[in-house]
């Protein structure tokens, strides 16, 4: 069950800063541990940067979740960019198309409890990640 949600645009470098700040604020308010906050903000930063740099911009939908006593946060990054031709390859450590370290997608997957990516050439990309307390 979603208890709160917000959509943030990802169109400029300033939006990347705003995404990190809003995610950290929500996590602090919900009393996630400092370690969890760091992991989630890191993943959010990487995925937002991917949406901007590879997808030409998009948005992040942030939702607080409650399932019984279990609480979590879900971040959904969407863009209308060129999509990813080979998702399995893009998830490999070290794979890069932009000259970086190639740890954005694979690292984000390791930092979160749940990870889902939907993409194909010409259809954009949607990455949804969830972290449970």
Protein backbone atom coordinates (compact mmCIF):
# COMPACT_ATOMS: atom_id res chain seq x y z
CA UNK A 1 0.00 0.00 0.00
CA UNK A 2 1.34 3.43 -0.96
CA UNK A 3 1.14 5.86 1.94
CA UNK A 4 2.73 8.88 0.24
CA UNK A 5 4.10 9.72 -3.19
CA UNK A 6 5.72 12.53 -5.12
CA UNK A 7 6.93 12.97 -8.70
CA UNK A 8 10.10 14.91 -9.42
CA UNK A 9 11.32 16.00 -12.87
CA UNK A 10 14.78 15.00 -14.07
CA UNK A 11 15.70 17.49 -16.79
CA UNK A 12 18.84 19.30 -15.56
CA UNK A 13 21.85 18.77 -13.31
CA UNK A 14 20.05 20.81 -10.63
CA UNK A 15 17.22 18.26 -10.73
CA UNK A 16 19.75 15.55 -9.81
CA UNK A 17 20.61 17.50 -6.66
CA UNK A 18 16.93 17.97 -5.89
CA UNK A 19 16.25 14.22 -6.31
CA UNK A 20 19.03 13.36 -3.84
CA UNK A 21 17.82 15.98 -1.33
CA UNK A 22 14.16 14.90 -1.46
CA UNK A 23 15.00 11.21 -1.16
CA UNK A 24 17.26 11.88 1.84
CA UNK A 25 14.60 14.08 3.48
CA UNK A 26 11.93 11.38 3.14
CA UNK A 27 14.29 8.69 4.44
CA UNK A 28 15.24 10.79 7.44
CA UNK A 29 11.58 11.54 8.21
CA UNK A 30 10.80 7.82 8.00
CA UNK A 31 13.75 6.98 10.26
CA UNK A 32 15.71 4.81 7.87
CA UNK A 33 19.18 4.09 9.25
CA UNK A 34 22.05 6.26 8.07
CA UNK A 35 23.51 3.26 6.24
CA UNK A 36 20.20 2.64 4.42
CA UNK A 37 19.90 6.35 3.64
CA UNK A 38 23.36 6.34 2.07
CA UNK A 39 22.65 3.23 -0.02
CA UNK A 40 19.26 4.50 -1.25
CA UNK A 41 20.48 8.03 -2.03
CA UNK A 42 23.44 6.55 -3.92
CA UNK A 43 21.14 4.37 -6.02
CA UNK A 44 18.76 7.29 -6.61
CA UNK A 45 21.65 9.48 -7.73
CA UNK A 46 22.95 6.88 -10.18
CA UNK A 47 19.54 6.11 -11.66
CA UNK A 48 18.56 9.79 -11.96
CA UNK A 49 21.88 10.51 -13.70
CA UNK A 50 21.24 7.64 -16.13
CA UNK A 51 17.77 9.01 -16.92
CA UNK A 52 19.27 12.43 -17.63
CA UNK A 53 22.43 11.43 -19.50
CA UNK A 54 21.22 8.37 -21.42
CA UNK A 55 17.48 8.96 -21.56
CA UNK A 56 17.48 12.70 -22.23
CA UNK A 57 15.63 13.37 -18.97
CA UNK A 58 12.50 12.02 -17.40
CA UNK A 59 11.06 11.78 -13.93
CA UNK A 60 11.28 9.96 -10.63
CA UNK A 61 8.21 8.82 -8.75
CA UNK A 62 8.99 8.30 -5.07
CA UNK A 63 6.53 6.31 -2.93
CA UNK A 64 6.47 5.24 0.69
CA UNK A 65 5.16 1.72 1.12
CA UNK A 66 3.52 -0.07 4.03
CA UNK A 67 2.70 -3.78 3.97
CA UNK A 68 1.59 -4.76 7.45
CA UNK A 69 4.40 -3.76 9.77
CA UNK A 70 6.88 -3.69 6.88
CA UNK A 71 7.84 -0.24 5.54
CA UNK A 72 9.83 0.73 2.52
CA UNK A 73 10.47 3.21 -0.24
CA UNK A 74 10.02 2.68 -3.97
CA UNK A 75 11.73 4.85 -6.59
CA UNK A 76 10.59 4.63 -10.20
CA UNK A 77 12.74 6.33 -12.84
CA UNK A 78 11.20 6.80 -16.30
CA UNK A 79 12.57 8.30 -19.48
CA UNK A 80 11.60 8.39 -23.14
CA UNK A 81 15.15 7.95 -24.41
CA UNK A 82 16.52 5.47 -26.95
CA UNK A 83 16.13 2.49 -24.61
CA UNK A 84 18.63 -0.26 -23.91
CA UNK A 85 19.27 -2.85 -26.60
CA UNK A 86 20.79 -5.48 -24.27
CA UNK A 87 19.56 -5.10 -20.69
CA UNK A 88 21.51 -8.14 -19.45
CA UNK A 89 24.76 -6.65 -20.73
CA UNK A 90 23.91 -3.22 -19.31
CA UNK A 91 23.53 -4.84 -15.87
CA UNK A 92 27.07 -6.26 -15.92
CA UNK A 93 29.68 -4.57 -13.75
CA UNK A 94 31.99 -2.49 -15.91
CA UNK A 95 29.63 -2.15 -18.88
CA UNK A 96 29.51 1.48 -19.98
CA UNK A 97 28.43 3.45 -23.02
CA UNK A 98 29.49 6.81 -21.62
CA UNK A 99 33.05 6.14 -20.46
CA UNK A 100 32.19 5.88 -16.75
CA UNK A 101 32.97 3.02 -14.39
CA UNK A 102 29.95 1.01 -15.51
CA UNK A 103 28.56 0.49 -12.02
CA UNK A 104 25.37 2.59 -12.15
CA UNK A 105 22.77 -0.06 -12.91
CA UNK A 106 24.56 -3.04 -11.39
CA UNK A 107 25.54 -1.07 -8.28
CA UNK A 108 22.01 0.25 -7.84
CA UNK A 109 20.67 -3.29 -8.08
CA UNK A 110 22.99 -4.40 -5.25
CA UNK A 111 22.09 -1.45 -3.02
CA UNK A 112 18.33 -2.04 -3.11
CA UNK A 113 16.06 -4.87 -1.92
CA UNK A 114 14.20 -5.12 -5.25
CA UNK A 115 15.21 -4.06 -8.76
CA UNK A 116 13.25 -4.11 -12.03
CA UNK A 117 14.17 -2.67 -15.41
CA UNK A 118 11.96 -2.45 -18.48
CA UNK A 119 13.59 -1.20 -21.67
CA UNK A 120 13.90 -1.87 -25.35
CA UNK A 121 15.27 0.13 -28.26
CA UNK A 122 13.07 3.09 -29.11
CA UNK A 123 10.77 2.77 -26.09
CA UNK A 124 12.64 4.46 -23.25
CA UNK A 125 13.54 2.90 -19.93
CA UNK A 126 11.76 2.41 -16.61
CA UNK A 127 13.80 1.34 -13.59
CA UNK A 128 11.92 0.59 -10.38
CA UNK A 129 13.81 -0.04 -7.15
CA UNK A 130 12.53 -0.72 -3.64
CA UNK A 131 14.31 -0.80 -0.30
CA UNK A 132 12.61 -2.30 2.75
CA UNK A 133 13.50 -1.39 6.32
